[in-house]
Amino acid sequence: MEKEFKITSAQHYEDTMITIFELQEQEDPLTASQIKEIEIMLQAAAKYEDEEL
């Protein structure tokens, strides 16, 4: 079940990047679900960068 994730503003982009960083820096190992969530967010961030930045 892949969800649609779209970044709609510069603030949303910044918040997403902070969330990704915080997930990667947590002490507990990432779960498969968290890794998939990070991948989805990174794809949305890359799309936003290509279209807006």
PDB file of N, CA and C in Angstrom:
ATOM      1  N   MET A   1       0.837  -1.174   0.000  1.00  0.00           N
ATOM      2  CA  MET A   1       0.000   0.000   0.000  1.00  0.00           C
ATOM      3  C   MET A   1       0.885   1.242   0.000  1.00  0.00           C
ATOM      4  N   GLU A   2       1.072   1.824  -1.140  1.00  0.00           N
ATOM      5  CA  GLU A   2       1.894   3.022  -1.251  1.00  0.00           C
ATOM      6  C   GLU A   2       1.008   4.243  -1.211  1.00  0.00           C
ATOM      7  N   LYS A   3       1.375   5.177  -0.342  1.00  0.00           N
ATOM      8  CA  LYS A   3       0.563   6.379  -0.238  1.00  0.00           C
ATOM      9  C   LYS A   3       1.162   7.500  -1.073  1.00  0.00           C
ATOM     10  N   GLU A   4       0.300   8.410  -1.464  1.00  0.00           N
ATOM     11  CA  GLU A   4       0.721   9.577  -2.230  1.00  0.00           C
ATOM     12  C   GLU A   4       1.206  10.628  -1.242  1.00  0.00           C
ATOM     13  N   PHE A   5       2.382  11.144  -1.479  1.00  0.00           N
ATOM     14  CA  PHE A   5       2.946  12.188  -0.626  1.00  0.00           C
ATOM     15  C   PHE A   5       3.450  13.281  -1.538  1.00  0.00           C
ATOM     16  N   LYS A   6       2.930  14.488  -1.348  1.00  0.00           N
ATOM     17  CA  LYS A   6       3.314  15.594  -2.201  1.00  0.00           C
ATOM     18  C   LYS A   6       3.692  16.787  -1.339  1.00  0.00           C
ATOM     19  N   ILE A   7       4.806  17.406  -1.674  1.00  0.00           N
ATOM     20  CA  ILE A   7       5.260  18.596  -0.973  1.00  0.00           C
ATOM     21  C   ILE A   7       4.691  19.799  -1.718  1.00  0.00           C
ATOM     22  N   THR A   8       4.040  20.693  -0.962  1.00  0.00           N
ATOM     23  CA  THR A   8       3.312  21.778  -1.593  1.00  0.00           C
ATOM     24  C   THR A   8       3.894  23.161  -1.340  1.00  0.00           C
ATOM     25  N   SER A   9       4.884  23.263  -0.443  1.00  0.00           N
ATOM     26  CA  SER A   9       5.451  24.580  -0.146  1.00  0.00           C
ATOM     27  C   SER A   9       6.885  24.433   0.358  1.00  0.00           C
ATOM     28  N   ALA A  10       7.589  25.540   0.398  1.00  0.00           N
ATOM     29  CA  ALA A  10       8.961  25.522   0.900  1.00  0.00           C
ATOM     30  C   ALA A  10       8.989  25.098   2.367  1.00  0.00           C
ATOM     31  N   GLN A  11       8.009  25.543   3.149  1.00  0.00           N
ATOM     32  CA  GLN A  11       7.948  25.158   4.568  1.00  0.00           C
ATOM     33  C   GLN A  11       7.690  23.664   4.704  1.00  0.00           C
ATOM     34  N   HIS A  12       6.814  23.131   3.886  1.00  0.00           N
ATOM     35  CA  HIS A  12       6.522  21.696   3.907  1.00  0.00           C
ATOM     36  C   HIS A  12       7.778  20.909   3.522  1.00  0.00           C
ATOM     37  N   TYR A  13       8.514  21.401   2.531  1.00  0.00           N
ATOM     38  CA  TYR A  13       9.775  20.767   2.115  1.00  0.00           C
ATOM     39  C   TYR A  13      10.758  20.739   3.288  1.00  0.00           C
ATOM     40  N   GLU A  14      10.913  21.881   3.956  1.00  0.00           N
ATOM     41  CA  GLU A  14      11.843  21.972   5.082  1.00  0.00           C
ATOM     42  C   GLU A  14      11.425  21.026   6.207  1.00  0.00           C
ATOM     43  N   ASP A  15      10.150  21.006   6.533  1.00  0.00           N
ATOM     44  CA  ASP A  15       9.653  20.114   7.582  1.00  0.00           C
ATOM     45  C   ASP A  15       9.888  18.649   7.222  1.00  0.00           C
ATOM     46  N   THR A  16       9.696  18.312   5.968  1.00  0.00           N
ATOM     47  CA  THR A  16       9.909  16.938   5.508  1.00  0.00           C
ATOM     48  C   THR A  16      11.373  16.538   5.649  1.00  0.00           C
ATOM     49  N   MET A  17      12.272  17.441   5.261  1.00  0.00           N
ATOM     50  CA  MET A  17      13.702  17.126   5.359  1.00  0.00           C
ATOM     51  C   MET A  17      14.122  16.957   6.823  1.00  0.00           C
ATOM     52  N   ILE A  18      13.560  17.764   7.718  1.00  0.00           N
ATOM     53  CA  ILE A  18      13.852  17.636   9.151  1.00  0.00           C
ATOM     54  C   ILE A  18      13.344  16.293   9.668  1.00  0.00           C
ATOM     55  N   THR A  19      12.146  15.904   9.260  1.00  0.00           N
ATOM     56  CA  THR A  19      11.578  14.620   9.676  1.00  0.00           C
ATOM     57  C   THR A  19      12.453  13.461   9.213  1.00  0.00           C
ATOM     58  N   ILE A  20      12.912  13.516   7.971  1.00  0.00           N
ATOM     59  CA  ILE A  20      13.791  12.470   7.441  1.00  0.00           C
ATOM     60  C   ILE A  20      15.066  12.394   8.274  1.00  0.00           C
ATOM     61  N   PHE A  21      15.664  13.539   8.542  1.00  0.00           N
ATOM     62  CA  PHE A  21      16.899  13.577   9.338  1.00  0.00           C
ATOM     63  C   PHE A  21      16.654  12.980  10.725  1.00  0.00           C
ATOM     64  N   GLU A  22      15.567  13.380  11.368  1.00  0.00           N
ATOM     65  CA  GLU A  22      15.276  12.875  12.710  1.00  0.00           C
ATOM     66  C   GLU A  22      15.055  11.369  12.706  1.00  0.00           C
ATOM     67  N   LEU A  23      14.380  10.852  11.705  1.00  0.00           N
ATOM     68  CA  LEU A  23      14.188   9.403  11.607  1.00  0.00           C
ATOM     69  C   LEU A  23      15.527   8.679  11.445  1.00  0.00           C
ATOM     70  N   GLN A  24      16.397   9.235  10.621  1.00  0.00           N
ATOM     71  CA  GLN A  24      17.686   8.599  10.369  1.00  0.00           C
ATOM     72  C   GLN A  24      18.606   8.662  11.590  1.00  0.00           C
ATOM     73  N   GLU A  25      18.418   9.654  12.440  1.00  0.00           N
ATOM     74  CA  GLU A  25      19.296   9.846  13.587  1.00  0.00           C
ATOM     75  C   GLU A  25      18.808   9.173  14.868  1.00  0.00           C
ATOM     76  N   GLN A  26      17.631   8.559  14.838  1.00  0.00           N
ATOM     77  CA  GLN A  26      17.133   7.917  16.056  1.00  0.00           C
ATOM     78  C   GLN A  26      18.023   6.743  16.436  1.00  0.00           C
ATOM     79  N   GLU A  27      18.045   6.419  17.717  1.00  0.00           N
ATOM     80  CA  GLU A  27      18.926   5.362  18.207  1.00  0.00           C
ATOM     81  C   GLU A  27      18.463   3.972  17.805  1.00  0.00           C
ATOM     82  N   ASP A  28      17.157   3.755  17.800  1.00  0.00           N
ATOM     83  CA  ASP A  28      16.633   2.439  17.444  1.00  0.00           C
ATOM     84  C   ASP A  28      16.786   2.211  15.946  1.00  0.00           C
ATOM     85  N   PRO A  29      17.024   0.978  15.549  1.00  0.00           N
ATOM     86  CA  PRO A  29      17.105   0.686  14.106  1.00  0.00           C
ATOM     87  C   PRO A  29      15.774   1.017  13.413  1.00  0.00           C
ATOM     88  N   LEU A  30      15.871   1.435  12.180  1.00  0.00           N
ATOM     89  CA  LEU A  30      14.669   1.762  11.407  1.00  0.00           C
ATOM     90  C   LEU A  30      13.919   0.486  11.049  1.00  0.00           C
ATOM     91  N   THR A  31      12.611   0.579  11.109  1.00  0.00           N
ATOM     92  CA  THR A  31      11.777  -0.542  10.679  1.00  0.00           C
ATOM     93  C   THR A  31      11.606  -0.464   9.162  1.00  0.00           C
ATOM     94  N   ALA A  32      11.128  -1.534   8.583  1.00  0.00           N
ATOM     95  CA  ALA A  32      10.879  -1.541   7.137  1.00  0.00           C
ATOM     96  C   ALA A  32       9.864  -0.465   6.769  1.00  0.00           C
ATOM     97  N   SER A  33       8.887  -0.264   7.620  1.00  0.00           N
ATOM     98  CA  SER A  33       7.871   0.756   7.385  1.00  0.00           C
ATOM     99  C   SER A  33       8.494   2.161   7.389  1.00  0.00           C
ATOM    100  N   GLN A  34       9.380   2.418   8.330  1.00  0.00           N
ATOM    101  CA  GLN A  34      10.037   3.724   8.396  1.00  0.00           C
ATOM    102  C   GLN A  34      10.939   3.950   7.180  1.00  0.00           C
ATOM    103  N   ILE A  35      11.629   2.925   6.759  1.00  0.00           N
ATOM    104  CA  ILE A  35      12.495   3.036   5.583  1.00  0.00           C
ATOM    105  C   ILE A  35      11.659   3.358   4.352  1.00  0.00           C
ATOM    106  N   LYS A  36      10.526   2.693   4.194  1.00  0.00           N
ATOM    107  CA  LYS A  36       9.627   2.958   3.060  1.00  0.00           C
ATOM    108  C   LYS A  36       9.095   4.392   3.132  1.00  0.00           C
ATOM    109  N   GLU A  37       8.738   4.835   4.338  1.00  0.00           N
ATOM    110  CA  GLU A  37       8.245   6.202   4.530  1.00  0.00           C
ATOM    111  C   GLU A  37       9.314   7.226   4.132  1.00  0.00           C
ATOM    112  N   ILE A  38      10.559   6.969   4.512  1.00  0.00           N
ATOM    113  CA  ILE A  38      11.660   7.864   4.148  1.00  0.00           C
ATOM    114  C   ILE A  38      11.823   7.895   2.632  1.00  0.00           C
ATOM    115  N   GLU A  39      11.762   6.736   1.989  1.00  0.00           N
ATOM    116  CA  GLU A  39      11.892   6.673   0.530  1.00  0.00           C
ATOM    117  C   GLU A  39      10.809   7.494  -0.163  1.00  0.00           C
ATOM    118  N   ILE A  40       9.571   7.385   0.325  1.00  0.00           N
ATOM    119  CA  ILE A  40       8.456   8.139  -0.258  1.00  0.00           C
ATOM    120  C   ILE A  40       8.690   9.636  -0.080  1.00  0.00           C
ATOM    121  N   MET A  41       9.127  10.032   1.119  1.00  0.00           N
ATOM    122  CA  MET A  41       9.382  11.451   1.377  1.00  0.00           C
ATOM    123  C   MET A  41      10.539  11.974   0.516  1.00  0.00           C
ATOM    124  N   LEU A  42      11.579  11.167   0.342  1.00  0.00           N
ATOM    125  CA  LEU A  42      12.712  11.593  -0.482  1.00  0.00           C
ATOM    126  C   LEU A  42      12.308  11.741  -1.947  1.00  0.00           C
ATOM    127  N   GLN A  43      11.452  10.853  -2.427  1.00  0.00           N
ATOM    128  CA  GLN A  43      10.970  10.979  -3.806  1.00  0.00           C
ATOM    129  C   GLN A  43      10.165  12.253  -3.977  1.00  0.00           C
ATOM    130  N   ALA A  44       9.316  12.562  -3.004  1.00  0.00           N
ATOM    131  CA  ALA A  44       8.518  13.793  -3.064  1.00  0.00           C
ATOM    132  C   ALA A  44       9.426  15.015  -2.993  1.00  0.00           C
ATOM    133  N   ALA A  45      10.468  14.952  -2.160  1.00  0.00           N
ATOM    134  CA  ALA A  45      11.411  16.065  -2.039  1.00  0.00           C
ATOM    135  C   ALA A  45      12.159  16.285  -3.349  1.00  0.00           C
ATOM    136  N   ALA A  46      12.578  15.201  -3.979  1.00  0.00           N
ATOM    137  CA  ALA A  46      13.288  15.320  -5.250  1.00  0.00           C
ATOM    138  C   ALA A  46      12.381  15.928  -6.316  1.00  0.00           C
ATOM    139  N   LYS A  47      11.126  15.510  -6.336  1.00  0.00           N
ATOM    140  CA  LYS A  47      10.174  16.058  -7.304  1.00  0.00           C
ATOM    141  C   LYS A  47       9.958  17.548  -7.052  1.00  0.00           C
ATOM    142  N   TYR A  48       9.824  17.930  -5.791  1.00  0.00           N
ATOM    143  CA  TYR A  48       9.638  19.344  -5.448  1.00  0.00           C
ATOM    144  C   TYR A  48      10.864  20.156  -5.869  1.00  0.00           C
ATOM    145  N   GLU A  49      12.063  19.613  -5.606  1.00  0.00           N
ATOM    146  CA  GLU A  49      13.298  20.302  -5.995  1.00  0.00           C
ATOM    147  C   GLU A  49      13.339  20.520  -7.504  1.00  0.00           C
ATOM    148  N   ASP A  50      12.991  19.497  -8.259  1.00  0.00           N
ATOM    149  CA  ASP A  50      13.025  19.590  -9.721  1.00  0.00           C
ATOM    150  C   ASP A  50      12.019  20.619 -10.257  1.00  0.00           C
ATOM    151  N   GLU A  51      10.852  20.674  -9.641  1.00  0.00           N
ATOM    152  CA  GLU A  51       9.785  21.533 -10.149  1.00  0.00           C
ATOM    153  C   GLU A  51       9.830  22.957  -9.600  1.00  0.00           C
ATOM    154  N   GLU A  52      10.301  23.133  -8.376  1.00  0.00           N
ATOM    155  CA  GLU A  52      10.180  24.441  -7.727  1.00  0.00           C
ATOM    156  C   GLU A  52      11.510  25.149  -7.461  1.00  0.00           C
ATOM    157  N   LEU A  53      12.559  24.399  -7.274  1.00  0.00           N
ATOM    158  CA  LEU A  53      13.830  25.032  -6.896  1.00  0.00           C
ATOM    159  C   LEU A  53      14.770  25.187  -8.069  1.00  0.00           C
TER     160      LEU A  53
END
